[in-house]
PDB file of N, CA and C in Angstrom:
ATOM      1  N   UNK A   1       0.978  22.480   1.940  1.00  0.00           N
ATOM      2  CA  UNK A   1       0.141  23.848   1.614  1.00  0.00           C
ATOM      3  C   UNK A   1       0.414  24.521   0.345  1.00  0.00           C
ATOM      4  N   UNK A   2       1.582  24.364  -0.448  1.00  0.00           N
ATOM      5  CA  UNK A   2       2.168  25.070  -1.513  1.00  0.00           C
ATOM      6  C   UNK A   2       1.146  24.413  -2.394  1.00  0.00           C
ATOM      7  N   UNK A   3       1.059  22.983  -2.500  1.00  0.00           N
ATOM      8  CA  UNK A   3       0.648  21.593  -3.643  1.00  0.00           C
ATOM      9  C   UNK A   3      -1.344  22.696  -3.318  1.00  0.00           C
ATOM     10  N   UNK A   4      -1.555  22.571  -2.466  1.00  0.00           N
ATOM     11  CA  UNK A   4      -3.044  23.316  -2.569  1.00  0.00           C
ATOM     12  C   UNK A   4      -3.395  24.491  -3.324  1.00  0.00           C
ATOM     13  N   UNK A   5      -2.324  25.320  -3.223  1.00  0.00           N
ATOM     14  CA  UNK A   5      -2.572  26.483  -4.051  1.00  0.00           C
ATOM     15  C   UNK A   5      -2.136  26.661  -5.453  1.00  0.00           C
ATOM     16  N   UNK A   6      -1.623  25.551  -5.772  1.00  0.00           N
ATOM     17  CA  UNK A   6      -0.651  25.521  -7.040  1.00  0.00           C
ATOM     18  C   UNK A   6      -1.201  25.210  -8.233  1.00  0.00           C
ATOM     19  N   UNK A   7      -1.756  25.492  -9.231  1.00  0.00           N
ATOM     20  CA  UNK A   7      -2.531  24.887 -10.142  1.00  0.00           C
ATOM     21  C   UNK A   7      -1.304  24.005 -10.922  1.00  0.00           C
ATOM     22  N   UNK A   8      -0.284  24.850 -11.354  1.00  0.00           N
ATOM     23  CA  UNK A   8       0.822  24.406 -11.914  1.00  0.00           C
ATOM     24  C   UNK A   8       1.181  22.497 -11.508  1.00  0.00           C
ATOM     25  N   UNK A   9       1.298  22.698  -9.906  1.00  0.00           N
ATOM     26  CA  UNK A   9       1.832  21.479  -9.428  1.00  0.00           C
ATOM     27  C   UNK A   9       0.414  20.320  -9.382  1.00  0.00           C
ATOM     28  N   UNK A  10      -0.861  21.033  -9.006  1.00  0.00           N
ATOM     29  CA  UNK A  10      -1.958  19.979  -9.465  1.00  0.00           C
ATOM     30  C   UNK A  10      -1.684  19.323 -10.844  1.00  0.00           C
ATOM     31  N   UNK A  11      -1.637  20.361 -11.661  1.00  0.00           N
ATOM     32  CA  UNK A  11      -1.575  20.015 -13.396  1.00  0.00           C
ATOM     33  C   UNK A  11      -0.286  18.778 -13.341  1.00  0.00           C
ATOM     34  N   UNK A  12       1.121  18.905 -12.851  1.00  0.00           N
ATOM     35  CA  UNK A  12       1.714  18.223 -12.928  1.00  0.00           C
ATOM     36  C   UNK A  12       1.606  16.906 -12.297  1.00  0.00           C
ATOM     37  N   UNK A  13       1.179  16.836 -10.939  1.00  0.00           N
ATOM     38  CA  UNK A  13       0.736  15.569 -10.702  1.00  0.00           C
ATOM     39  C   UNK A  13      -0.474  14.890 -11.244  1.00  0.00           C
ATOM     40  N   UNK A  14      -1.090  15.791 -12.036  1.00  0.00           N
ATOM     41  CA  UNK A  14      -2.473  14.900 -12.497  1.00  0.00           C
ATOM     42  C   UNK A  14      -1.550  14.301 -13.527  1.00  0.00           C
ATOM     43  N   UNK A  15      -0.833  15.110 -14.268  1.00  0.00           N
ATOM     44  CA  UNK A  15      -0.117  14.292 -15.604  1.00  0.00           C
ATOM     45  C   UNK A  15       0.564  12.928 -15.019  1.00  0.00           C
ATOM     46  N   UNK A  16       1.315  12.780 -14.056  1.00  0.00           N
ATOM     47  CA  UNK A  16       1.780  11.878 -13.730  1.00  0.00           C
ATOM     48  C   UNK A  16       0.946  10.539 -13.383  1.00  0.00           C
ATOM     49  N   UNK A  17      -0.462  10.939 -12.474  1.00  0.00           N
ATOM     50  CA  UNK A  17      -1.335  10.013 -12.391  1.00  0.00           C
ATOM     51  C   UNK A  17      -1.819   9.697 -13.520  1.00  0.00           C
ATOM     52  N   UNK A  18      -1.801  10.365 -14.612  1.00  0.00           N
ATOM     53  CA  UNK A  18      -1.796   9.896 -16.211  1.00  0.00           C
ATOM     54  C   UNK A  18      -0.954   8.708 -16.743  1.00  0.00           C
ATOM     55  N   UNK A  19       0.216   9.065 -16.608  1.00  0.00           N
ATOM     56  CA  UNK A  19       1.481   8.340 -17.329  1.00  0.00           C
ATOM     57  C   UNK A  19       1.325   6.996 -16.520  1.00  0.00           C
ATOM     58  N   UNK A  20       0.863   6.702 -15.210  1.00  0.00           N
ATOM     59  CA  UNK A  20       0.865   5.546 -14.639  1.00  0.00           C
ATOM     60  C   UNK A  20      -0.654   4.797 -14.898  1.00  0.00           C
ATOM     61  N   UNK A  21      -1.236   5.409 -15.520  1.00  0.00           N
ATOM     62  CA  UNK A  21      -2.706   4.983 -15.678  1.00  0.00           C
ATOM     63  C   UNK A  21      -3.983   5.150 -14.834  1.00  0.00           C
ATOM     64  N   UNK A  22      -3.551   6.194 -13.933  1.00  0.00           N
ATOM     65  CA  UNK A  22      -4.749   6.316 -12.902  1.00  0.00           C
ATOM     66  C   UNK A  22      -5.364   7.359 -13.850  1.00  0.00           C
ATOM     67  N   UNK A  23      -6.148   7.275 -14.311  1.00  0.00           N
ATOM     68  CA  UNK A  23      -7.048   8.474 -15.409  1.00  0.00           C
ATOM     69  C   UNK A  23      -8.320   8.855 -14.452  1.00  0.00           C
ATOM     70  N   UNK A  24      -8.715   8.383 -14.061  1.00  0.00           N
ATOM     71  CA  UNK A  24      -9.758   9.533 -12.792  1.00  0.00           C
ATOM     72  C   UNK A  24      -9.065  10.173 -11.607  1.00  0.00           C
ATOM     73  N   UNK A  25      -8.029   9.262 -11.195  1.00  0.00           N
ATOM     74  CA  UNK A  25      -7.471  10.396 -10.171  1.00  0.00           C
ATOM     75  C   UNK A  25      -6.726  11.699 -10.655  1.00  0.00           C
ATOM     76  N   UNK A  26      -6.273  11.176 -12.374  1.00  0.00           N
ATOM     77  CA  UNK A  26      -5.712  12.225 -13.323  1.00  0.00           C
ATOM     78  C   UNK A  26      -6.695  13.125 -13.199  1.00  0.00           C
ATOM     79  N   UNK A  27      -7.831  12.856 -13.656  1.00  0.00           N
ATOM     80  CA  UNK A  27      -8.790  13.923 -13.914  1.00  0.00           C
ATOM     81  C   UNK A  27      -9.369  14.994 -12.891  1.00  0.00           C
ATOM     82  N   UNK A  28      -9.172  14.249 -11.371  1.00  0.00           N
ATOM     83  CA  UNK A  28      -9.839  14.770 -10.303  1.00  0.00           C
ATOM     84  C   UNK A  28      -8.731  15.905 -10.098  1.00  0.00           C
ATOM     85  N   UNK A  29      -7.123  15.585 -10.400  1.00  0.00           N
ATOM     86  CA  UNK A  29      -5.960  16.652  -9.787  1.00  0.00           C
ATOM     87  C   UNK A  29      -6.240  17.506 -10.968  1.00  0.00           C
ATOM     88  N   UNK A  30      -6.693  17.780 -12.099  1.00  0.00           N
ATOM     89  CA  UNK A  30      -6.748  18.434 -13.398  1.00  0.00           C
ATOM     90  C   UNK A  30      -8.015  19.602 -12.931  1.00  0.00           C
ATOM     91  N   UNK A  31      -9.064  18.859 -12.317  1.00  0.00           N
ATOM     92  CA  UNK A  31     -10.292  19.710 -11.950  1.00  0.00           C
ATOM     93  C   UNK A  31     -10.004  20.501 -10.831  1.00  0.00           C
ATOM     94  N   UNK A  32      -8.903  20.087 -10.220  1.00  0.00           N
ATOM     95  CA  UNK A  32      -8.615  21.151  -8.851  1.00  0.00           C
ATOM     96  C   UNK A  32      -7.744  22.176  -9.198  1.00  0.00           C
ATOM     97  N   UNK A  33      -7.061  21.619 -10.297  1.00  0.00           N
ATOM     98  CA  UNK A  33      -5.726  22.672 -10.845  1.00  0.00           C
ATOM     99  C   UNK A  33      -6.926  23.737 -11.654  1.00  0.00           C
ATOM    100  N   UNK A  34      -7.934  23.325 -12.226  1.00  0.00           N
ATOM    101  CA  UNK A  34      -8.644  24.265 -12.687  1.00  0.00           C
ATOM    102  C   UNK A  34      -9.639  25.020 -11.763  1.00  0.00           C
ATOM    103  N   UNK A  35     -10.132  24.583 -10.605  1.00  0.00           N
ATOM    104  CA  UNK A  35     -10.300  25.548  -9.413  1.00  0.00           C
ATOM    105  C   UNK A  35      -9.459  26.705  -9.092  1.00  0.00           C
ATOM    106  N   UNK A  36      -8.389  26.217  -9.074  1.00  0.00           N
ATOM    107  CA  UNK A  36      -7.499  27.240  -8.740  1.00  0.00           C
ATOM    108  C   UNK A  36      -7.283  28.306  -9.600  1.00  0.00           C
ATOM    109  N   UNK A  37      -6.870  27.661 -10.699  1.00  0.00           N
ATOM    110  CA  UNK A  37      -6.654  28.860 -11.881  1.00  0.00           C
ATOM    111  C   UNK A  37      -7.551  28.290 -13.229  1.00  0.00           C
ATOM    112  N   UNK A  38      -8.899  28.742 -13.501  1.00  0.00           N
ATOM    113  CA  UNK A  38      -9.558  28.395 -14.557  1.00  0.00           C
ATOM    114  C   UNK A  38      -9.121  28.596 -15.926  1.00  0.00           C
ATOM    115  N   UNK A  39      -7.786  29.334 -16.247  1.00  0.00           N
ATOM    116  CA  UNK A  39      -7.400  29.616 -17.325  1.00  0.00           C
ATOM    117  C   UNK A  39      -5.831  28.780 -17.655  1.00  0.00           C
ATOM    118  N   UNK A  40      -5.852  27.996 -16.832  1.00  0.00           N
ATOM    119  CA  UNK A  40      -4.625  27.221 -17.062  1.00  0.00           C
ATOM    120  C   UNK A  40      -4.788  26.327 -18.171  1.00  0.00           C
ATOM    121  N   UNK A  41      -4.633  26.655 -19.581  1.00  0.00           N
ATOM    122  CA  UNK A  41      -4.757  26.010 -20.761  1.00  0.00           C
ATOM    123  C   UNK A  41      -4.438  24.555 -20.789  1.00  0.00           C
ATOM    124  N   UNK A  42      -3.044  24.141 -20.474  1.00  0.00           N
ATOM    125  CA  UNK A  42      -2.618  22.676 -20.333  1.00  0.00           C
ATOM    126  C   UNK A  42      -3.759  21.751 -19.768  1.00  0.00           C
ATOM    127  N   UNK A  43      -4.298  22.440 -18.385  1.00  0.00           N
ATOM    128  CA  UNK A  43      -5.055  21.582 -17.724  1.00  0.00           C
ATOM    129  C   UNK A  43      -6.799  21.641 -18.308  1.00  0.00           C
ATOM    130  N   UNK A  44      -6.932  22.607 -18.866  1.00  0.00           N
ATOM    131  CA  UNK A  44      -8.287  22.639 -19.569  1.00  0.00           C
ATOM    132  C   UNK A  44      -8.145  21.756 -20.786  1.00  0.00           C
ATOM    133  N   UNK A  45      -7.338  21.473 -21.645  1.00  0.00           N
ATOM    134  CA  UNK A  45      -6.911  20.565 -22.684  1.00  0.00           C
ATOM    135  C   UNK A  45      -6.760  19.162 -22.391  1.00  0.00           C
ATOM    136  N   UNK A  46      -5.843  19.155 -21.105  1.00  0.00           N
ATOM    137  CA  UNK A  46      -5.670  17.666 -20.491  1.00  0.00           C
ATOM    138  C   UNK A  46      -7.025  17.283 -19.848  1.00  0.00           C
ATOM    139  N   UNK A  47      -7.711  17.560 -19.338  1.00  0.00           N
ATOM    140  CA  UNK A  47      -9.038  17.534 -18.695  1.00  0.00           C
ATOM    141  C   UNK A  47      -9.925  17.038 -19.606  1.00  0.00           C
ATOM    142  N   UNK A  48     -10.154  18.097 -20.712  1.00  0.00           N
ATOM    143  CA  UNK A  48     -10.969  17.311 -21.603  1.00  0.00           C
ATOM    144  C   UNK A  48     -10.819  15.987 -22.592  1.00  0.00           C
ATOM    145  N   UNK A  49      -9.370  16.007 -22.815  1.00  0.00           N
ATOM    146  CA  UNK A  49      -8.991  14.669 -23.719  1.00  0.00           C
ATOM    147  C   UNK A  49      -9.196  13.975 -22.427  1.00  0.00           C
ATOM    148  N   UNK A  50      -8.935  13.705 -21.072  1.00  0.00           N
ATOM    149  CA  UNK A  50      -9.074  12.524 -20.216  1.00  0.00           C
ATOM    150  C   UNK A  50     -10.740  12.335 -20.134  1.00  0.00           C
ATOM    151  N   UNK A  51     -11.385  13.268 -20.436  1.00  0.00           N
ATOM    152  CA  UNK A  51     -12.678  12.767 -19.844  1.00  0.00           C
ATOM    153  C   UNK A  51     -13.366  12.288 -21.587  1.00  0.00           C
ATOM    154  N   UNK A  52     -13.058  12.915 -22.602  1.00  0.00           N
ATOM    155  CA  UNK A  52     -13.048  11.978 -23.820  1.00  0.00           C
ATOM    156  C   UNK A  52     -12.521  10.550 -23.591  1.00  0.00           C
ATOM    157  N   UNK A  53     -11.947  10.553 -23.323  1.00  0.00           N
ATOM    158  CA  UNK A  53     -11.264   8.940 -23.034  1.00  0.00           C
ATOM    159  C   UNK A  53     -12.283   7.993 -22.199  1.00  0.00           C
ATOM    160  N   UNK A  54     -12.477   8.721 -20.943  1.00  0.00           N
ATOM    161  CA  UNK A  54     -13.193   8.134 -20.095  1.00  0.00           C
ATOM    162  C   UNK A  54     -14.808   7.980 -20.771  1.00  0.00           C
ATOM    163  N   UNK A  55     -15.443   8.750 -21.140  1.00  0.00           N
ATOM    164  CA  UNK A  55     -16.754   8.895 -21.548  1.00  0.00           C
ATOM    165  C   UNK A  55     -16.697   7.933 -22.964  1.00  0.00           C
ATOM    166  N   UNK A  56     -17.507   7.017 -23.264  1.00  0.00           N
ATOM    167  CA  UNK A  56     -17.235   6.011 -24.170  1.00  0.00           C
ATOM    168  C   UNK A  56     -18.292   6.709 -25.368  1.00  0.00           C
ATOM    169  N   UNK A  57     -18.220   6.545 -26.410  1.00  0.00           N
ATOM    170  CA  UNK A  57     -18.403   7.589 -27.486  1.00  0.00           C
ATOM    171  C   UNK A  57     -20.240   7.011 -27.518  1.00  0.00           C
ATOM    172  N   UNK A  58     -20.735   5.874 -27.518  1.00  0.00           N
ATOM    173  CA  UNK A  58     -22.178   5.951 -27.677  1.00  0.00           C
ATOM    174  C   UNK A  58     -22.622   6.864 -26.932  1.00  0.00           C
ATOM    175  N   UNK A  59     -22.680   7.050 -25.741  1.00  0.00           N
ATOM    176  CA  UNK A  59     -22.931   8.100 -24.323  1.00  0.00           C
ATOM    177  C   UNK A  59     -23.359   9.356 -25.550  1.00  0.00           C
ATOM    178  N   UNK A  60     -22.429   9.909 -26.203  1.00  0.00           N
ATOM    179  CA  UNK A  60     -22.407  11.069 -26.872  1.00  0.00           C
ATOM    180  C   UNK A  60     -23.711  11.100 -28.090  1.00  0.00           C
ATOM    181  N   UNK A  61     -23.805   9.830 -28.788  1.00  0.00           N
ATOM    182  CA  UNK A  61     -24.865   9.554 -29.765  1.00  0.00           C
ATOM    183  C   UNK A  61     -25.954   9.597 -29.056  1.00  0.00           C
ATOM    184  N   UNK A  62     -26.279   8.901 -27.977  1.00  0.00           N
ATOM    185  CA  UNK A  62     -27.402   8.899 -27.287  1.00  0.00           C
ATOM    186  C   UNK A  62     -27.965  10.024 -26.629  1.00  0.00           C
ATOM    187  N   UNK A  63     -27.112  11.213 -26.057  1.00  0.00           N
ATOM    188  CA  UNK A  63     -27.566  12.296 -25.534  1.00  0.00           C
ATOM    189  C   UNK A  63     -27.962  13.123 -26.606  1.00  0.00           C
ATOM    190  N   UNK A  64     -27.269  13.377 -27.700  1.00  0.00           N
ATOM    191  CA  UNK A  64     -27.749  13.998 -28.739  1.00  0.00           C
ATOM    192  C   UNK A  64     -28.942  13.589 -30.124  1.00  0.00           C
ATOM    193  N   UNK A  65     -29.439  12.217 -29.384  1.00  0.00           N
ATOM    194  CA  UNK A  65     -30.600  11.532 -30.343  1.00  0.00           C
ATOM    195  C   UNK A  65     -31.875  12.661 -29.878  1.00  0.00           C
ATOM    196  N   UNK A  66     -32.201  13.524 -30.708  1.00  0.00           N
ATOM    197  CA  UNK A  66     -33.357  14.198 -29.944  1.00  0.00           C
ATOM    198  C   UNK A  66     -34.962  13.422 -30.188  1.00  0.00           C
ATOM    199  N   UNK A  67     -34.985  12.538 -30.920  1.00  0.00           N
ATOM    200  CA  UNK A  67     -36.135  11.977 -31.030  1.00  0.00           C
ATOM    201  C   UNK A  67     -36.175  10.740 -30.105  1.00  0.00           C
ATOM    202  N   UNK A  68     -35.222   9.707 -29.616  1.00  0.00           N
ATOM    203  CA  UNK A  68     -34.842   9.628 -28.333  1.00  0.00           C
ATOM    204  C   UNK A  68     -35.230  10.016 -27.068  1.00  0.00           C
ATOM    205  N   UNK A  69     -34.884  11.359 -27.181  1.00  0.00           N
ATOM    206  CA  UNK A  69     -34.869  11.996 -26.199  1.00  0.00           C
ATOM    207  C   UNK A  69     -36.403  12.347 -25.948  1.00  0.00           C
ATOM    208  N   UNK A  70     -37.172  13.093 -26.595  1.00  0.00           N
ATOM    209  CA  UNK A  70     -38.483  13.300 -26.624  1.00  0.00           C
ATOM    210  C   UNK A  70     -39.253  11.887 -26.333  1.00  0.00           C
ATOM    211  N   UNK A  71     -39.014  11.092 -26.866  1.00  0.00           N
ATOM    212  CA  UNK A  71     -39.756   9.883 -26.615  1.00  0.00           C
ATOM    213  C   UNK A  71     -39.444   9.481 -25.306  1.00  0.00           C
ATOM    214  N   UNK A  72     -38.275   9.326 -24.385  1.00  0.00           N
ATOM    215  CA  UNK A  72     -38.370   9.246 -23.176  1.00  0.00           C
ATOM    216  C   UNK A  72     -39.027  10.410 -22.467  1.00  0.00           C
ATOM    217  N   UNK A  73     -39.064  11.286 -22.707  1.00  0.00           N
ATOM    218  CA  UNK A  73     -39.675  12.686 -22.138  1.00  0.00           C
ATOM    219  C   UNK A  73     -41.252  12.182 -21.748  1.00  0.00           C
ATOM    220  N   UNK A  74     -41.464  12.057 -23.065  1.00  0.00           N
ATOM    221  CA  UNK A  74     -43.143  11.991 -23.082  1.00  0.00           C
ATOM    222  C   UNK A  74     -43.400  10.748 -22.122  1.00  0.00           C
ATOM    223  N   UNK A  75     -42.355   9.753 -22.152  1.00  0.00           N
ATOM    224  CA  UNK A  75     -43.145   8.091 -21.462  1.00  0.00           C
ATOM    225  C   UNK A  75     -42.918   8.851 -20.107  1.00  0.00           C
ATOM    226  N   UNK A  76     -41.579   9.411 -19.374  1.00  0.00           N
ATOM    227  CA  UNK A  76     -42.196   9.868 -18.178  1.00  0.00           C
ATOM    228  C   UNK A  76     -42.575  11.065 -17.624  1.00  0.00           C
ATOM    229  N   UNK A  77     -43.371  11.635 -18.590  1.00  0.00           N
ATOM    230  CA  UNK A  77     -44.309  12.675 -17.985  1.00  0.00           C
ATOM    231  C   UNK A  77     -45.586  12.384 -17.733  1.00  0.00           C
TER     232      UNK A  77
END
């Protein structure tokens, strides 16, 4: 029960999962920690770092390509 209500315990568990290579599970625990305490600075930073690691760089270039996005919008409209 205490685990459910403690952002710090969720954060620590998330970091343990990260250390053993369970990155998606780690991200989930950090997300839950932030649901409990949205201002938990270490959880915010760690979650962003894991997210950056999980999402390949080409996705960001693709999403920020405005001419590509306009062309797709026109094609599906």
